[in-house]
């Protein structure tokens, strides 16, 4: 699913009024819903997570520049900040993929351009990683 969220800091009051806060909450709900389709219960113990953010390639770019971006020759130095997008995903996955994000002991994340924008999240038990 496309990454279209902008980071937003919320207070309890702004949660119901600020349009960006509503977008943020909707984004988190969508992530949780997608995770629930793939997981029966939260993983127990230490966890490894990889999050790949694929941003849409600007339509105004030439075909050559688009292909270069898709092949990772041009990297997306664009908003939102990677740390804010990771925080949103971690908040969404608490209680779904893991009991609490303190169980995540290994994290890899990156931003790239792609012809198919979206987010790919890979979650593994560290027992799987070690085996």
N, C-alpha and C. Protein backbone atom coordinates (compact mmCIF):
# COMPACT_ATOMS: atom_id res chain seq x y z
N UNK A 1 0.84 -1.19 0.00
CA UNK A 1 0.00 0.00 0.00
C UNK A 1 0.88 1.23 0.00
N UNK A 2 0.48 2.26 -0.66
CA UNK A 2 1.32 3.44 -0.82
C UNK A 2 1.61 4.16 0.49
N UNK A 3 2.81 4.70 0.57
CA UNK A 3 3.21 5.52 1.72
C UNK A 3 2.81 6.95 1.39
N UNK A 4 1.75 7.43 2.01
CA UNK A 4 1.29 8.78 1.74
C UNK A 4 1.17 9.59 3.02
N UNK A 5 1.61 9.03 4.10
CA UNK A 5 1.45 9.68 5.41
C UNK A 5 2.54 10.70 5.65
N UNK A 6 2.17 11.79 6.24
CA UNK A 6 3.14 12.76 6.73
C UNK A 6 3.13 12.63 8.23
N UNK A 7 4.30 12.75 8.83
CA UNK A 7 4.36 12.59 10.28
C UNK A 7 3.58 13.71 10.94
N UNK A 8 2.96 13.38 12.04
CA UNK A 8 2.18 14.35 12.79
C UNK A 8 2.27 13.99 14.26
N UNK A 9 2.45 14.98 15.08
CA UNK A 9 2.45 14.78 16.52
C UNK A 9 1.04 15.06 17.01
N UNK A 10 0.49 14.17 17.80
CA UNK A 10 -0.89 14.32 18.22
C UNK A 10 -1.02 14.54 19.72
N UNK A 11 -2.01 15.31 20.06
CA UNK A 11 -2.46 15.36 21.44
C UNK A 11 -3.80 14.65 21.45
N UNK A 12 -4.31 14.32 22.61
CA UNK A 12 -5.62 13.67 22.68
C UNK A 12 -6.67 14.52 21.99
N UNK A 13 -6.63 15.82 22.19
CA UNK A 13 -7.64 16.71 21.62
C UNK A 13 -7.53 16.76 20.10
N UNK A 14 -6.30 16.86 19.59
CA UNK A 14 -6.13 16.99 18.14
C UNK A 14 -6.45 15.70 17.40
N UNK A 15 -6.49 14.58 18.11
CA UNK A 15 -6.72 13.29 17.47
C UNK A 15 -8.02 13.29 16.66
N UNK A 16 -9.02 14.01 17.09
CA UNK A 16 -10.32 13.98 16.42
C UNK A 16 -10.56 15.19 15.54
N UNK A 17 -9.69 16.22 15.60
CA UNK A 17 -9.92 17.44 14.84
C UNK A 17 -8.94 17.63 13.69
N UNK A 18 -7.68 17.36 13.91
CA UNK A 18 -6.64 17.61 12.92
C UNK A 18 -6.74 16.57 11.80
N UNK A 19 -6.88 17.04 10.56
CA UNK A 19 -7.01 16.14 9.42
C UNK A 19 -5.78 15.25 9.25
N UNK A 20 -4.59 15.80 9.52
CA UNK A 20 -3.36 14.99 9.41
C UNK A 20 -3.37 13.89 10.47
N UNK A 21 -3.90 14.19 11.65
CA UNK A 21 -3.99 13.17 12.71
C UNK A 21 -4.93 12.05 12.28
N UNK A 22 -6.04 12.40 11.65
CA UNK A 22 -6.98 11.39 11.17
C UNK A 22 -6.32 10.51 10.10
N UNK A 23 -5.53 11.13 9.22
CA UNK A 23 -4.82 10.38 8.18
C UNK A 23 -3.82 9.42 8.82
N UNK A 24 -3.11 9.91 9.82
CA UNK A 24 -2.13 9.09 10.54
C UNK A 24 -2.81 7.88 11.18
N UNK A 25 -3.92 8.11 11.88
CA UNK A 25 -4.63 7.01 12.53
C UNK A 25 -5.17 6.02 11.51
N UNK A 26 -5.65 6.51 10.38
CA UNK A 26 -6.14 5.64 9.32
C UNK A 26 -4.99 4.79 8.75
N UNK A 27 -3.83 5.40 8.57
CA UNK A 27 -2.64 4.70 8.08
C UNK A 27 -2.26 3.57 9.04
N UNK A 28 -2.22 3.88 10.34
CA UNK A 28 -1.88 2.86 11.34
C UNK A 28 -2.91 1.72 11.33
N UNK A 29 -4.18 2.05 11.21
CA UNK A 29 -5.22 1.03 11.16
C UNK A 29 -5.05 0.11 9.95
N UNK A 30 -4.68 0.70 8.83
CA UNK A 30 -4.49 -0.09 7.61
C UNK A 30 -3.30 -1.05 7.75
N UNK A 31 -2.23 -0.57 8.35
CA UNK A 31 -1.07 -1.44 8.58
C UNK A 31 -1.45 -2.60 9.49
N UNK A 32 -2.14 -2.30 10.59
CA UNK A 32 -2.57 -3.35 11.53
C UNK A 32 -3.48 -4.35 10.83
N UNK A 33 -4.41 -3.86 10.02
CA UNK A 33 -5.34 -4.73 9.31
C UNK A 33 -4.59 -5.67 8.36
N UNK A 34 -3.62 -5.12 7.61
CA UNK A 34 -2.83 -5.94 6.70
C UNK A 34 -2.03 -6.99 7.46
N UNK A 35 -1.46 -6.61 8.60
CA UNK A 35 -0.67 -7.55 9.40
C UNK A 35 -1.55 -8.67 9.94
N UNK A 36 -2.76 -8.33 10.36
CA UNK A 36 -3.68 -9.35 10.90
C UNK A 36 -4.03 -10.40 9.86
N UNK A 37 -4.01 -10.04 8.58
CA UNK A 37 -4.30 -11.00 7.52
C UNK A 37 -3.19 -12.05 7.40
N UNK A 38 -1.98 -11.72 7.88
CA UNK A 38 -0.83 -12.61 7.70
C UNK A 38 -0.35 -13.26 8.99
N UNK A 39 -0.88 -12.84 10.13
CA UNK A 39 -0.37 -13.34 11.41
C UNK A 39 -1.53 -13.85 12.26
N UNK A 40 -1.34 -15.02 12.84
CA UNK A 40 -2.37 -15.57 13.72
C UNK A 40 -2.31 -14.96 15.10
N UNK A 41 -1.07 -14.73 15.57
CA UNK A 41 -0.86 -14.16 16.90
C UNK A 41 0.48 -13.46 16.93
N UNK A 42 0.70 -12.59 17.91
CA UNK A 42 1.98 -11.89 18.01
C UNK A 42 3.15 -12.86 18.20
N UNK A 43 4.28 -12.55 17.61
CA UNK A 43 5.49 -13.35 17.79
C UNK A 43 6.00 -13.15 19.21
N UNK A 44 6.45 -14.21 19.80
CA UNK A 44 7.02 -14.16 21.16
C UNK A 44 8.54 -14.10 21.05
N UNK A 45 9.18 -13.40 21.96
CA UNK A 45 10.63 -13.34 22.01
C UNK A 45 11.21 -12.28 21.10
N UNK A 46 12.52 -12.37 20.90
CA UNK A 46 13.26 -11.38 20.10
C UNK A 46 12.85 -11.44 18.63
N UNK A 47 12.76 -10.25 18.01
CA UNK A 47 12.23 -10.14 16.65
C UNK A 47 13.16 -9.31 15.76
N UNK A 48 13.23 -9.71 14.50
CA UNK A 48 13.95 -8.97 13.47
C UNK A 48 12.92 -8.38 12.50
N UNK A 49 13.10 -7.11 12.14
CA UNK A 49 12.16 -6.44 11.23
C UNK A 49 12.93 -5.74 10.11
N UNK A 50 12.43 -5.90 8.89
CA UNK A 50 12.92 -5.14 7.74
C UNK A 50 11.73 -4.38 7.17
N UNK A 51 11.91 -3.08 6.97
CA UNK A 51 10.84 -2.25 6.40
C UNK A 51 11.40 -1.54 5.17
N UNK A 52 10.79 -1.80 4.03
CA UNK A 52 11.19 -1.17 2.76
C UNK A 52 10.07 -0.23 2.33
N UNK A 53 10.42 1.04 2.17
CA UNK A 53 9.47 2.04 1.71
C UNK A 53 9.77 2.34 0.25
N UNK A 54 8.80 2.10 -0.62
CA UNK A 54 8.96 2.37 -2.05
C UNK A 54 8.10 3.58 -2.42
N UNK A 55 8.75 4.66 -2.81
CA UNK A 55 8.08 5.92 -3.14
C UNK A 55 7.77 5.99 -4.63
N UNK A 56 6.67 6.65 -4.98
CA UNK A 56 6.35 6.78 -6.40
C UNK A 56 7.39 7.64 -7.12
N UNK A 57 7.69 7.24 -8.33
CA UNK A 57 8.64 7.99 -9.15
C UNK A 57 7.87 9.17 -9.76
N UNK A 58 8.39 10.38 -9.65
CA UNK A 58 7.68 11.54 -10.21
C UNK A 58 7.35 11.37 -11.69
N UNK A 59 6.11 11.64 -12.04
CA UNK A 59 5.65 11.52 -13.43
C UNK A 59 6.41 12.45 -14.37
N UNK A 60 6.87 13.57 -13.85
CA UNK A 60 7.54 14.57 -14.70
C UNK A 60 8.94 14.15 -15.14
N UNK A 61 9.48 13.10 -14.55
CA UNK A 61 10.83 12.67 -14.91
C UNK A 61 10.82 11.96 -16.26
N UNK A 62 11.97 12.02 -16.95
CA UNK A 62 12.12 11.32 -18.23
C UNK A 62 12.13 9.81 -17.98
N UNK A 63 11.89 9.05 -19.03
CA UNK A 63 11.90 7.59 -18.91
C UNK A 63 13.26 7.12 -18.40
N UNK A 64 14.32 7.71 -18.92
CA UNK A 64 15.67 7.32 -18.49
C UNK A 64 15.87 7.57 -16.99
N UNK A 65 15.43 8.75 -16.52
CA UNK A 65 15.58 9.08 -15.10
C UNK A 65 14.68 8.19 -14.24
N UNK A 66 13.48 7.87 -14.73
CA UNK A 66 12.58 6.96 -14.00
C UNK A 66 13.21 5.57 -13.86
N UNK A 67 13.79 5.07 -14.96
CA UNK A 67 14.44 3.76 -14.91
C UNK A 67 15.62 3.78 -13.95
N UNK A 68 16.38 4.86 -13.96
CA UNK A 68 17.51 4.98 -13.04
C UNK A 68 17.03 4.97 -11.59
N UNK A 69 15.95 5.69 -11.32
CA UNK A 69 15.39 5.71 -9.96
C UNK A 69 14.90 4.33 -9.55
N UNK A 70 14.22 3.64 -10.46
CA UNK A 70 13.71 2.30 -10.17
C UNK A 70 14.84 1.31 -9.92
N UNK A 71 15.98 1.52 -10.57
CA UNK A 71 17.15 0.66 -10.39
C UNK A 71 18.03 1.10 -9.22
N UNK A 72 17.52 2.02 -8.40
CA UNK A 72 18.17 2.54 -7.19
C UNK A 72 19.36 3.44 -7.47
N UNK A 73 19.44 3.98 -8.68
CA UNK A 73 20.50 4.93 -9.00
C UNK A 73 20.21 6.32 -8.45
N UNK A 74 18.93 6.58 -8.19
CA UNK A 74 18.52 7.83 -7.56
C UNK A 74 17.73 7.44 -6.32
N UNK A 75 18.10 7.99 -5.19
CA UNK A 75 17.43 7.65 -3.94
C UNK A 75 16.49 8.77 -3.49
N UNK A 76 15.38 8.41 -2.86
CA UNK A 76 14.37 9.41 -2.47
C UNK A 76 14.71 10.16 -1.18
N UNK A 77 15.32 11.30 -1.35
CA UNK A 77 15.62 12.16 -0.21
C UNK A 77 14.43 13.09 -0.06
N UNK A 78 13.31 12.51 0.35
CA UNK A 78 12.03 13.22 0.43
C UNK A 78 11.38 12.96 1.77
N UNK A 79 10.39 13.78 2.10
CA UNK A 79 9.57 13.56 3.29
C UNK A 79 8.61 12.44 2.98
N UNK A 80 8.15 11.67 3.93
CA UNK A 80 8.38 11.80 5.36
C UNK A 80 9.73 11.24 5.78
N UNK A 81 10.19 11.69 6.94
CA UNK A 81 11.44 11.18 7.50
C UNK A 81 11.28 9.71 7.83
N UNK A 82 12.33 8.95 7.59
CA UNK A 82 12.27 7.50 7.79
C UNK A 82 11.96 7.12 9.24
N UNK A 83 12.50 7.87 10.20
CA UNK A 83 12.26 7.52 11.60
C UNK A 83 10.78 7.70 11.97
N UNK A 84 10.11 8.69 11.39
CA UNK A 84 8.69 8.89 11.69
C UNK A 84 7.82 7.80 11.07
N UNK A 85 8.18 7.34 9.89
CA UNK A 85 7.40 6.29 9.24
C UNK A 85 7.59 4.97 9.99
N UNK A 86 8.79 4.73 10.46
CA UNK A 86 9.05 3.51 11.25
C UNK A 86 8.23 3.55 12.53
N UNK A 87 8.20 4.69 13.19
CA UNK A 87 7.45 4.82 14.45
C UNK A 87 5.97 4.52 14.22
N UNK A 88 5.40 5.03 13.14
CA UNK A 88 4.00 4.76 12.83
C UNK A 88 3.75 3.27 12.64
N UNK A 89 4.65 2.61 11.93
CA UNK A 89 4.50 1.17 11.69
C UNK A 89 4.64 0.39 12.99
N UNK A 90 5.63 0.75 13.80
CA UNK A 90 5.80 0.06 15.08
C UNK A 90 4.58 0.23 15.97
N UNK A 91 4.04 1.43 16.03
CA UNK A 91 2.83 1.67 16.83
C UNK A 91 1.67 0.82 16.32
N UNK A 92 1.53 0.72 15.00
CA UNK A 92 0.45 -0.06 14.41
C UNK A 92 0.59 -1.56 14.70
N UNK A 93 1.82 -2.04 14.78
CA UNK A 93 2.05 -3.47 14.94
C UNK A 93 2.10 -3.94 16.39
N UNK A 94 2.11 -3.00 17.33
CA UNK A 94 2.05 -3.38 18.74
C UNK A 94 0.75 -4.13 19.00
N UNK A 95 0.86 -5.31 19.61
CA UNK A 95 -0.32 -6.11 19.90
C UNK A 95 -0.80 -6.94 18.73
N UNK A 96 -0.21 -6.74 17.55
CA UNK A 96 -0.59 -7.50 16.36
C UNK A 96 0.55 -8.43 15.96
N UNK A 97 1.70 -7.86 15.63
CA UNK A 97 2.86 -8.64 15.21
C UNK A 97 3.72 -9.04 16.40
N UNK A 98 3.69 -8.21 17.43
CA UNK A 98 4.44 -8.46 18.66
C UNK A 98 3.66 -7.84 19.81
N UNK A 99 3.97 -8.31 21.01
CA UNK A 99 3.28 -7.78 22.19
C UNK A 99 3.61 -6.31 22.41
N UNK A 100 4.89 -5.98 22.25
CA UNK A 100 5.37 -4.61 22.44
C UNK A 100 6.62 -4.45 21.58
N UNK A 101 6.86 -3.23 21.07
CA UNK A 101 8.00 -3.07 20.16
C UNK A 101 9.35 -3.18 20.85
N UNK A 102 9.38 -3.33 22.15
CA UNK A 102 10.66 -3.56 22.84
C UNK A 102 11.26 -4.92 22.43
N UNK A 103 10.42 -5.81 21.88
CA UNK A 103 10.90 -7.12 21.45
C UNK A 103 11.67 -7.07 20.12
N UNK A 104 11.59 -5.95 19.43
CA UNK A 104 12.34 -5.79 18.18
C UNK A 104 13.78 -5.47 18.55
N UNK A 105 14.67 -6.39 18.22
CA UNK A 105 16.09 -6.24 18.57
C UNK A 105 16.97 -6.05 17.34
N UNK A 106 16.37 -6.22 16.16
CA UNK A 106 17.12 -6.10 14.92
C UNK A 106 16.21 -5.37 13.93
N UNK A 107 16.71 -4.26 13.36
CA UNK A 107 15.88 -3.46 12.46
C UNK A 107 16.70 -3.00 11.26
N UNK A 108 16.14 -3.20 10.07
CA UNK A 108 16.71 -2.65 8.83
C UNK A 108 15.59 -1.93 8.12
N UNK A 109 15.86 -0.72 7.70
CA UNK A 109 14.85 0.04 6.99
C UNK A 109 15.50 0.88 5.90
N UNK A 110 14.77 1.08 4.81
CA UNK A 110 15.31 1.90 3.73
C UNK A 110 14.19 2.49 2.89
N UNK A 111 14.52 3.57 2.18
CA UNK A 111 13.62 4.24 1.26
C UNK A 111 14.18 4.10 -0.15
N UNK A 112 13.31 3.77 -1.09
CA UNK A 112 13.69 3.66 -2.50
C UNK A 112 12.55 4.18 -3.35
N UNK A 113 12.85 4.48 -4.62
CA UNK A 113 11.80 4.75 -5.59
C UNK A 113 11.40 3.42 -6.21
N UNK A 114 10.17 3.35 -6.69
CA UNK A 114 9.74 2.13 -7.36
C UNK A 114 8.53 2.38 -8.22
N UNK A 115 8.41 1.61 -9.30
CA UNK A 115 7.24 1.72 -10.16
C UNK A 115 5.98 1.29 -9.41
N UNK A 116 6.15 0.45 -8.38
CA UNK A 116 5.03 0.04 -7.55
C UNK A 116 5.27 0.57 -6.14
N UNK A 117 4.76 1.78 -5.83
CA UNK A 117 4.99 2.34 -4.50
C UNK A 117 4.27 1.52 -3.42
N UNK A 118 4.83 1.53 -2.24
CA UNK A 118 4.23 0.81 -1.13
C UNK A 118 5.23 0.56 -0.02
N UNK A 119 4.81 -0.25 0.92
CA UNK A 119 5.65 -0.61 2.06
C UNK A 119 5.69 -2.13 2.13
N UNK A 120 6.89 -2.69 2.29
CA UNK A 120 7.05 -4.12 2.47
C UNK A 120 7.68 -4.33 3.84
N UNK A 121 6.96 -5.04 4.70
CA UNK A 121 7.42 -5.27 6.06
C UNK A 121 7.66 -6.77 6.23
N UNK A 122 8.87 -7.12 6.64
CA UNK A 122 9.23 -8.52 6.90
C UNK A 122 9.54 -8.65 8.38
N UNK A 123 8.83 -9.55 9.04
CA UNK A 123 8.97 -9.75 10.48
C UNK A 123 9.34 -11.20 10.71
N UNK A 124 10.42 -11.42 11.47
CA UNK A 124 10.87 -12.78 11.77
C UNK A 124 11.25 -12.90 13.23
N UNK A 125 11.01 -14.05 13.78
CA UNK A 125 11.51 -14.38 15.09
C UNK A 125 13.02 -14.52 14.97
N UNK A 126 13.77 -14.04 15.95
CA UNK A 126 15.23 -14.18 15.90
C UNK A 126 15.64 -15.65 15.94
N UNK A 127 14.76 -16.52 16.42
CA UNK A 127 15.04 -17.96 16.37
C UNK A 127 15.12 -18.42 14.92
N UNK A 128 14.26 -17.87 14.04
CA UNK A 128 14.30 -18.19 12.61
C UNK A 128 15.57 -17.69 11.98
N UNK A 129 15.96 -16.46 12.35
CA UNK A 129 17.14 -15.81 11.79
C UNK A 129 18.40 -16.59 12.16
N UNK A 130 18.46 -17.10 13.39
CA UNK A 130 19.63 -17.82 13.89
C UNK A 130 19.75 -19.20 13.31
N UNK A 131 18.63 -19.79 12.90
CA UNK A 131 18.63 -21.19 12.45
C UNK A 131 19.27 -21.36 11.11
